[in-house]
C-alpha atoms as a PDB file:
ATOM      1  CA  UNK A   1     -63.215   6.960  99.521  1.00  0.00           C
ATOM      2  CA  UNK A   2     -64.953   6.947 102.990  1.00  0.00           C
ATOM      3  CA  UNK A   3     -62.121   7.397 105.483  1.00  0.00           C
ATOM      4  CA  UNK A   4     -63.605   4.812 107.964  1.00  0.00           C
ATOM      5  CA  UNK A   5     -63.300   2.165 104.959  1.00  0.00           C
ATOM      6  CA  UNK A   6     -59.771   3.512 104.054  1.00  0.00           C
ATOM      7  CA  UNK A   7     -58.827   3.017 107.744  1.00  0.00           C
ATOM      8  CA  UNK A   8     -60.211  -0.130 108.119  1.00  0.00           C
ATOM      9  CA  UNK A   9     -58.461  -1.499 104.959  1.00  0.00           C
ATOM     10  CA  UNK A  10     -55.020   0.243 104.918  1.00  0.00           C
ATOM     11  CA  UNK A  11     -54.478   0.972 108.665  1.00  0.00           C
ATOM     12  CA  UNK A  12     -51.160   2.755 109.291  1.00  0.00           C
ATOM     13  CA  UNK A  13     -51.765   3.889 105.169  1.00  0.00           C
ATOM     14  CA  UNK A  14     -54.554   6.058 106.196  1.00  0.00           C
ATOM     15  CA  UNK A  15     -53.186   7.848 109.048  1.00  0.00           C
ATOM     16  CA  UNK A  16     -50.547   9.176 106.568  1.00  0.00           C
ATOM     17  CA  UNK A  17     -53.566  10.284 104.451  1.00  0.00           C
ATOM     18  CA  UNK A  18     -55.035  12.555 107.495  1.00  0.00           C
ATOM     19  CA  UNK A  19     -51.973  14.293 108.029  1.00  0.00           C
ATOM     20  CA  UNK A  20     -51.272  15.039 104.270  1.00  0.00           C
ATOM     21  CA  UNK A  21     -51.757  18.727 102.909  1.00  0.00           C
ATOM     22  CA  UNK A  22     -53.642  19.062 100.061  1.00  0.00           C
ATOM     23  CA  UNK A  23     -52.067  21.117  97.633  1.00  0.00           C
ATOM     24  CA  UNK A  24     -50.018  19.428  94.905  1.00  0.00           C
ATOM     25  CA  UNK A  25     -51.489  16.060  96.365  1.00  0.00           C
ATOM     26  CA  UNK A  26     -52.204  14.129  92.999  1.00  0.00           C
ATOM     27  CA  UNK A  27     -49.693  12.012  91.475  1.00  0.00           C
ATOM     28  CA  UNK A  28     -50.650  13.147  88.313  1.00  0.00           C
ATOM     29  CA  UNK A  29     -49.521  16.946  88.816  1.00  0.00           C
ATOM     30  CA  UNK A  30     -46.139  15.887  90.386  1.00  0.00           C
ATOM     31  CA  UNK A  31     -43.355  13.619  89.504  1.00  0.00           C
ATOM     32  CA  UNK A  32     -42.189  10.986  91.439  1.00  0.00           C
ATOM     33  CA  UNK A  33     -40.714  11.123  93.873  1.00  0.00           C
ATOM     34  CA  UNK A  34     -42.400  14.667  94.459  1.00  0.00           C
ATOM     35  CA  UNK A  35     -45.722  13.246  96.060  1.00  0.00           C
ATOM     36  CA  UNK A  36     -47.430  13.998  99.141  1.00  0.00           C
ATOM     37  CA  UNK A  37     -48.534  11.341 101.676  1.00  0.00           C
ATOM     38  CA  UNK A  38     -52.286  11.663 100.595  1.00  0.00           C
ATOM     39  CA  UNK A  39     -51.024  11.142  96.791  1.00  0.00           C
ATOM     40  CA  UNK A  40     -49.217   7.972  98.117  1.00  0.00           C
ATOM     41  CA  UNK A  41     -52.377   6.535 100.094  1.00  0.00           C
ATOM     42  CA  UNK A  42     -54.849   7.605  96.945  1.00  0.00           C
ATOM     43  CA  UNK A  43     -52.411   5.454  94.419  1.00  0.00           C
ATOM     44  CA  UNK A  44     -52.619   2.330  96.289  1.00  0.00           C
ATOM     45  CA  UNK A  45     -56.077   2.572  97.510  1.00  0.00           C
ATOM     46  CA  UNK A  46     -58.214   4.279  94.859  1.00  0.00           C
ATOM     47  CA  UNK A  47     -56.385   4.800  91.436  1.00  0.00           C
ATOM     48  CA  UNK A  48     -56.229   3.254  87.998  1.00  0.00           C
ATOM     49  CA  UNK A  49     -54.220   0.641  89.368  1.00  0.00           C
ATOM     50  CA  UNK A  50     -56.154  -0.055  92.593  1.00  0.00           C
ATOM     51  CA  UNK A  51     -60.092  -0.553  93.194  1.00  0.00           C
ATOM     52  CA  UNK A  52     -61.628  -0.573  96.581  1.00  0.00           C
ATOM     53  CA  UNK A  53     -64.448  -3.217  96.347  1.00  0.00           C
ATOM     54  CA  UNK A  54     -66.978  -4.527  98.823  1.00  0.00           C
ATOM     55  CA  UNK A  55     -67.572  -8.331  98.899  1.00  0.00           C
ATOM     56  CA  UNK A  56     -70.343 -10.549 100.580  1.00  0.00           C
ATOM     57  CA  UNK A  57     -68.822 -13.344 102.508  1.00  0.00           C
ATOM     58  CA  UNK A  58     -70.407 -16.480 102.056  1.00  0.00           C
ATOM     59  CA  UNK A  59     -69.649 -18.760 105.377  1.00  0.00           C
ATOM     60  CA  UNK A  60     -70.820 -21.882 104.193  1.00  0.00           C
ATOM     61  CA  UNK A  61     -69.188 -25.715 104.271  1.00  0.00           C
ATOM     62  CA  UNK A  62     -69.786 -28.716 101.702  1.00  0.00           C
ATOM     63  CA  UNK A  63     -73.253 -29.986 102.513  1.00  0.00           C
ATOM     64  CA  UNK A  64     -74.615 -26.364 102.804  1.00  0.00           C
ATOM     65  CA  UNK A  65     -74.187 -26.472 106.170  1.00  0.00           C
ATOM     66  CA  UNK A  66     -74.058 -22.895 107.725  1.00  0.00           C
ATOM     67  CA  UNK A  67     -70.455 -21.897 108.620  1.00  0.00           C
ATOM     68  CA  UNK A  68     -70.170 -21.499 112.479  1.00  0.00           C
ATOM     69  CA  UNK A  69     -67.263 -19.262 113.957  1.00  0.00           C
ATOM     70  CA  UNK A  70     -66.700 -22.315 116.241  1.00  0.00           C
ATOM     71  CA  UNK A  71     -65.226 -23.841 112.833  1.00  0.00           C
ATOM     72  CA  UNK A  72     -62.432 -20.983 112.772  1.00  0.00           C
ATOM     73  CA  UNK A  73     -59.282 -22.025 114.615  1.00  0.00           C
ATOM     74  CA  UNK A  74     -58.461 -19.490 117.370  1.00  0.00           C
ATOM     75  CA  UNK A  75     -62.146 -18.521 117.881  1.00  0.00           C
ATOM     76  CA  UNK A  76     -62.835 -20.777 120.827  1.00  0.00           C
ATOM     77  CA  UNK A  77     -61.216 -20.388 124.107  1.00  0.00           C
ATOM     78  CA  UNK A  78     -58.461 -23.337 124.673  1.00  0.00           C
ATOM     79  CA  UNK A  79     -57.673 -24.931 127.976  1.00  0.00           C
ATOM     80  CA  UNK A  80     -54.219 -24.110 128.110  1.00  0.00           C
ATOM     81  CA  UNK A  81     -53.879 -20.818 125.986  1.00  0.00           C
ATOM     82  CA  UNK A  82     -56.511 -18.201 127.435  1.00  0.00           C
ATOM     83  CA  UNK A  83     -58.466 -17.008 124.187  1.00  0.00           C
ATOM     84  CA  UNK A  84     -55.854 -18.235 122.150  1.00  0.00           C
ATOM     85  CA  UNK A  85     -55.459 -21.009 119.472  1.00  0.00           C
ATOM     86  CA  UNK A  86     -53.260 -24.078 120.175  1.00  0.00           C
ATOM     87  CA  UNK A  87     -52.227 -23.494 116.392  1.00  0.00           C
ATOM     88  CA  UNK A  88     -51.580 -20.018 116.788  1.00  0.00           C
ATOM     89  CA  UNK A  89     -54.510 -18.882 114.659  1.00  0.00           C
ATOM     90  CA  UNK A  90     -56.796 -16.072 114.136  1.00  0.00           C
ATOM     91  CA  UNK A  91     -56.771 -14.519 117.660  1.00  0.00           C
ATOM     92  CA  UNK A  92     -59.322 -13.757 120.347  1.00  0.00           C
ATOM     93  CA  UNK A  93     -62.841 -15.590 120.038  1.00  0.00           C
ATOM     94  CA  UNK A  94     -65.557 -13.958 118.208  1.00  0.00           C
ATOM     95  CA  UNK A  95     -69.251 -14.726 118.375  1.00  0.00           C
ATOM     96  CA  UNK A  96     -69.836 -14.012 114.599  1.00  0.00           C
ATOM     97  CA  UNK A  97     -68.350 -13.805 111.467  1.00  0.00           C
ATOM     98  CA  UNK A  98     -68.119 -10.670 109.091  1.00  0.00           C
ATOM     99  CA  UNK A  99     -70.952 -10.446 106.354  1.00  0.00           C
ATOM    100  CA  UNK A 100     -68.919  -7.986 104.401  1.00  0.00           C
ATOM    101  CA  UNK A 101     -65.322  -6.937 103.919  1.00  0.00           C
ATOM    102  CA  UNK A 102     -63.973  -3.697 101.822  1.00  0.00           C
ATOM    103  CA  UNK A 103     -60.835  -5.046  99.784  1.00  0.00           C
ATOM    104  CA  UNK A 104     -58.361  -3.391  97.516  1.00  0.00           C
ATOM    105  CA  UNK A 105     -57.839  -4.996  94.218  1.00  0.00           C
ATOM    106  CA  UNK A 106     -54.227  -3.412  92.999  1.00  0.00           C
ATOM    107  CA  UNK A 107     -51.773  -4.541  90.746  1.00  0.00           C
ATOM    108  CA  UNK A 108     -48.635  -4.808  93.014  1.00  0.00           C
ATOM    109  CA  UNK A 109     -46.193  -5.112  89.915  1.00  0.00           C
ATOM    110  CA  UNK A 110     -46.998  -2.128  88.190  1.00  0.00           C
ATOM    111  CA  UNK A 111     -44.611   0.713  88.714  1.00  0.00           C
ATOM    112  CA  UNK A 112     -46.543   3.432  90.019  1.00  0.00           C
ATOM    113  CA  UNK A 113     -47.712   1.236  92.851  1.00  0.00           C
ATOM    114  CA  UNK A 114     -43.799  -0.062  93.662  1.00  0.00           C
ATOM    115  CA  UNK A 115     -42.989   3.666  93.347  1.00  0.00           C
ATOM    116  CA  UNK A 116     -45.850   4.499  96.053  1.00  0.00           C
ATOM    117  CA  UNK A 117     -45.134   1.554  98.174  1.00  0.00           C
ATOM    118  CA  UNK A 118     -41.228   2.721  98.305  1.00  0.00           C
ATOM    119  CA  UNK A 119     -41.943   6.001  99.014  1.00  0.00           C
ATOM    120  CA  UNK A 120     -44.118   5.169 101.941  1.00  0.00           C
ATOM    121  CA  UNK A 121     -41.168   2.649 103.264  1.00  0.00           C
ATOM    122  CA  UNK A 122     -38.501   5.279 103.021  1.00  0.00           C
ATOM    123  CA  UNK A 123     -40.541   7.833 104.805  1.00  0.00           C
ATOM    124  CA  UNK A 124     -41.642   5.548 107.374  1.00  0.00           C
ATOM    125  CA  UNK A 125     -37.972   4.231 108.150  1.00  0.00           C
ATOM    126  CA  UNK A 126     -36.519   7.722 107.771  1.00  0.00           C
ATOM    127  CA  UNK A 127     -34.161   6.407 105.184  1.00  0.00           C
ATOM    128  CA  UNK A 128     -34.501   9.527 102.962  1.00  0.00           C
ATOM    129  CA  UNK A 129     -35.127   9.468  99.126  1.00  0.00           C
ATOM    130  CA  UNK A 130     -31.676   8.440  98.229  1.00  0.00           C
ATOM    131  CA  UNK A 131     -32.651   4.677  99.388  1.00  0.00           C
ATOM    132  CA  UNK A 132     -35.886   4.930  97.391  1.00  0.00           C
ATOM    133  CA  UNK A 133     -34.303   2.984  94.008  1.00  0.00           C
ATOM    134  CA  UNK A 134     -33.351   0.219  96.477  1.00  0.00           C
ATOM    135  CA  UNK A 135     -37.054  -0.026  98.082  1.00  0.00           C
ATOM    136  CA  UNK A 136     -38.648  -0.204  94.548  1.00  0.00           C
ATOM    137  CA  UNK A 137     -36.164  -3.157  93.573  1.00  0.00           C
ATOM    138  CA  UNK A 138     -36.277  -4.800  90.029  1.00  0.00           C
ATOM    139  CA  UNK A 139     -39.064  -5.184  87.861  1.00  0.00           C
ATOM    140  CA  UNK A 140     -41.304  -8.490  89.007  1.00  0.00           C
ATOM    141  CA  UNK A 141     -40.933 -11.303  86.037  1.00  0.00           C
ATOM    142  CA  UNK A 142     -44.735 -11.519  86.100  1.00  0.00           C
ATOM    143  CA  UNK A 143     -48.190  -9.532  86.449  1.00  0.00           C
ATOM    144  CA  UNK A 144     -48.882  -9.727  90.124  1.00  0.00           C
ATOM    145  CA  UNK A 145     -52.483  -8.826  91.103  1.00  0.00           C
ATOM    146  CA  UNK A 146     -52.896  -8.162  94.713  1.00  0.00           C
ATOM    147  CA  UNK A 147     -56.454  -8.687  96.948  1.00  0.00           C
ATOM    148  CA  UNK A 148     -55.636  -6.510  99.537  1.00  0.00           C
ATOM    149  CA  UNK A 149     -57.191  -6.649 103.310  1.00  0.00           C
ATOM    150  CA  UNK A 150     -58.925 -10.093 103.206  1.00  0.00           C
ATOM    151  CA  UNK A 151     -60.170 -11.108 106.339  1.00  0.00           C
ATOM    152  CA  UNK A 152     -57.988 -13.951 108.008  1.00  0.00           C
ATOM    153  CA  UNK A 153     -60.770 -15.836 108.550  1.00  0.00           C
ATOM    154  CA  UNK A 154     -60.859 -16.684 105.020  1.00  0.00           C
ATOM    155  CA  UNK A 155     -57.883 -19.195 105.596  1.00  0.00           C
ATOM    156  CA  UNK A 156     -59.173 -20.923 108.630  1.00  0.00           C
ATOM    157  CA  UNK A 157     -58.272 -23.888 106.715  1.00  0.00           C
ATOM    158  CA  UNK A 158     -54.593 -22.673 105.979  1.00  0.00           C
ATOM    159  CA  UNK A 159     -53.052 -20.635 103.518  1.00  0.00           C
ATOM    160  CA  UNK A 160     -52.297 -23.516 101.133  1.00  0.00           C
ATOM    161  CA  UNK A 161     -56.004 -23.702 100.470  1.00  0.00           C
ATOM    162  CA  UNK A 162     -56.380 -20.528  99.613  1.00  0.00           C
ATOM    163  CA  UNK A 163     -53.624 -20.265  97.508  1.00  0.00           C
ATOM    164  CA  UNK A 164     -54.868 -23.735  95.362  1.00  0.00           C
ATOM    165  CA  UNK A 165     -58.460 -22.721  95.246  1.00  0.00           C
ATOM    166  CA  UNK A 166     -57.159 -19.209  93.869  1.00  0.00           C
ATOM    167  CA  UNK A 167     -54.791 -20.448  91.287  1.00  0.00           C
ATOM    168  CA  UNK A 168     -57.549 -23.209  90.347  1.00  0.00           C
ATOM    169  CA  UNK A 169     -60.380 -20.334  89.493  1.00  0.00           C
ATOM    170  CA  UNK A 170     -58.645 -17.204  88.910  1.00  0.00           C
ATOM    171  CA  UNK A 171     -57.879 -15.849  85.551  1.00  0.00           C
ATOM    172  CA  UNK A 172     -57.338 -12.476  83.530  1.00  0.00           C
ATOM    173  CA  UNK A 173     -59.622 -11.716  80.308  1.00  0.00           C
ATOM    174  CA  UNK A 174     -59.285  -8.763  77.829  1.00  0.00           C
ATOM    175  CA  UNK A 175     -61.732  -7.213  76.054  1.00  0.00           C
ATOM    176  CA  UNK A 176     -60.847  -9.297  72.871  1.00  0.00           C
ATOM    177  CA  UNK A 177     -61.756 -12.459  75.246  1.00  0.00           C
ATOM    178  CA  UNK A 178     -57.966 -13.777  75.395  1.00  0.00           C
ATOM    179  CA  UNK A 179     -57.770 -15.554  78.672  1.00  0.00           C
ATOM    180  CA  UNK A 180     -54.555 -15.743  80.877  1.00  0.00           C
ATOM    181  CA  UNK A 181     -54.202 -18.452  83.785  1.00  0.00           C
ATOM    182  CA  UNK A 182     -52.090 -17.659  86.944  1.00  0.00           C
ATOM    183  CA  UNK A 183     -48.624 -19.320  87.449  1.00  0.00           C
ATOM    184  CA  UNK A 184     -48.664 -19.003  91.146  1.00  0.00           C
ATOM    185  CA  UNK A 185     -50.619 -17.601  94.043  1.00  0.00           C
ATOM    186  CA  UNK A 186     -48.910 -16.578  97.503  1.00  0.00           C
ATOM    187  CA  UNK A 187     -50.654 -15.711 100.735  1.00  0.00           C
ATOM    188  CA  UNK A 188     -49.214 -13.108 103.004  1.00  0.00           C
ATOM    189  CA  UNK A 189     -50.408 -12.773 106.473  1.00  0.00           C
ATOM    190  CA  UNK A 190     -51.003  -9.321 107.766  1.00  0.00           C
ATOM    191  CA  UNK A 191     -52.480  -9.164 111.026  1.00  0.00           C
ATOM    192  CA  UNK A 192     -55.783  -9.717 111.175  1.00  0.00           C
ATOM    193  CA  UNK A 193     -56.015  -9.776 107.075  1.00  0.00           C
ATOM    194  CA  UNK A 194     -54.186 -11.628 104.434  1.00  0.00           C
ATOM    195  CA  UNK A 195     -53.071 -10.310 101.179  1.00  0.00           C
ATOM    196  CA  UNK A 196     -53.670 -12.982  98.264  1.00  0.00           C
ATOM    197  CA  UNK A 197     -50.990 -12.112  95.328  1.00  0.00           C
ATOM    198  CA  UNK A 198     -51.899 -13.769  92.071  1.00  0.00           C
ATOM    199  CA  UNK A 199     -48.831 -14.265  89.622  1.00  0.00           C
ATOM    200  CA  UNK A 200     -49.597 -14.046  85.927  1.00  0.00           C
ATOM    201  CA  UNK A 201     -47.140 -14.769  83.027  1.00  0.00           C
ATOM    202  CA  UNK A 202     -46.295 -11.614  80.983  1.00  0.00           C
ATOM    203  CA  UNK A 203     -44.641 -13.565  77.985  1.00  0.00           C
ATOM    204  CA  UNK A 204     -47.765 -12.284  75.725  1.00  0.00           C
ATOM    205  CA  UNK A 205     -47.789  -8.976  77.287  1.00  0.00           C
ATOM    206  CA  UNK A 206     -51.018  -7.318  77.560  1.00  0.00           C
ATOM    207  CA  UNK A 207     -51.129  -4.268  75.395  1.00  0.00           C
ATOM    208  CA  UNK A 208     -53.190  -0.930  75.011  1.00  0.00           C
ATOM    209  CA  UNK A 209     -55.047  -2.514  72.391  1.00  0.00           C
ATOM    210  CA  UNK A 210     -56.666  -4.946  74.761  1.00  0.00           C
ATOM    211  CA  UNK A 211     -58.620  -1.803  75.869  1.00  0.00           C
ATOM    212  CA  UNK A 212     -59.928  -3.735  79.276  1.00  0.00           C
ATOM    213  CA  UNK A 213     -58.730  -6.614  81.278  1.00  0.00           C
ATOM    214  CA  UNK A 214     -61.462  -7.996  83.917  1.00  0.00           C
ATOM    215  CA  UNK A 215     -59.610  -9.901  86.838  1.00  0.00           C
ATOM    216  CA  UNK A 216     -61.543 -12.975  88.255  1.00  0.00           C
ATOM    217  CA  UNK A 217     -61.639 -14.965  91.117  1.00  0.00           C
ATOM    218  CA  UNK A 218     -63.938 -17.517  93.131  1.00  0.00           C
ATOM    219  CA  UNK A 219     -62.913 -18.134  96.336  1.00  0.00           C
ATOM    220  CA  UNK A 220     -66.110 -19.703  97.423  1.00  0.00           C
ATOM    221  CA  UNK A 221     -66.259 -17.296 100.382  1.00  0.00           C
ATOM    222  CA  UNK A 222     -66.285 -14.334  97.976  1.00  0.00           C
ATOM    223  CA  UNK A 223     -66.354 -14.014  94.397  1.00  0.00           C
ATOM    224  CA  UNK A 224     -64.341 -10.907  92.380  1.00  0.00           C
ATOM    225  CA  UNK A 225     -65.016 -10.067  88.875  1.00  0.00           C
ATOM    226  CA  UNK A 226     -63.161  -6.317  88.649  1.00  0.00           C
ATOM    227  CA  UNK A 227     -62.213  -4.369  85.208  1.00  0.00           C
ATOM    228  CA  UNK A 228     -59.654  -2.393  84.873  1.00  0.00           C
ATOM    229  CA  UNK A 229     -59.297   0.238  81.765  1.00  0.00           C
ATOM    230  CA  UNK A 230     -55.965   0.204  80.221  1.00  0.00           C
ATOM    231  CA  UNK A 231     -56.055   3.608  78.878  1.00  0.00           C
ATOM    232  CA  UNK A 232     -55.944   5.092  82.177  1.00  0.00           C
ATOM    233  CA  UNK A 233     -53.265   2.850  83.565  1.00  0.00           C
ATOM    234  CA  UNK A 234     -50.486   4.773  81.493  1.00  0.00           C
ATOM    235  CA  UNK A 235     -47.496   5.957  83.721  1.00  0.00           C
ATOM    236  CA  UNK A 236     -44.250   7.533  82.366  1.00  0.00           C
ATOM    237  CA  UNK A 237     -45.667   6.715  78.660  1.00  0.00           C
ATOM    238  CA  UNK A 238     -45.957   3.385  79.438  1.00  0.00           C
ATOM    239  CA  UNK A 239     -48.983   0.876  80.089  1.00  0.00           C
ATOM    240  CA  UNK A 240     -48.228  -0.223  83.623  1.00  0.00           C
ATOM    241  CA  UNK A 241     -49.740  -3.262  84.820  1.00  0.00           C
END
């Protein structure tokens, strides 16, 4: 993966990657929690559970009127708040909007992703490995698919609009054609980006015999069609989603 792209998407995760040693880095070679920082970063960003995708951003509004940066809260100066927004919006004024974005589509509910995230937090907080189990937490009740690193401008009409549109248009499709619709969507602000967490029910679990699962979502500004091969997503002898 391109180092610049990784830094743009992961921020401080990428700092860890540059400091890691190469020997024994692969999470497949050493059991958790004996992973170095590079293994942690790659697992949450470029692994069977996490795919980097470059998407085109289509800034259009109803009536096919081109979207202007002036339509985004926080992108025009305010008379009382220098360089800011009266509603605590996106940030400093910009003269243009991004045409592309590098995002990560990952299974946040999968145990290896939760293991890597907990290990990262424990090291950042200097809590020691004795506290890792508490950071991992209980298994989620749903499958949680996360779209990470989405430009915050996508939520210019509010997080609620993104949640409603994502829930309306998203679904999982197995190779056999089974369709699974989401139960809820959450938008998590992360500075200049947002993470969109899509919850899917696991009452009828996805199984290895399904072979492949495709994640589909149409946010109008960008569209996702991403496939995951289930045979590659076995961790500790279990299919992990």
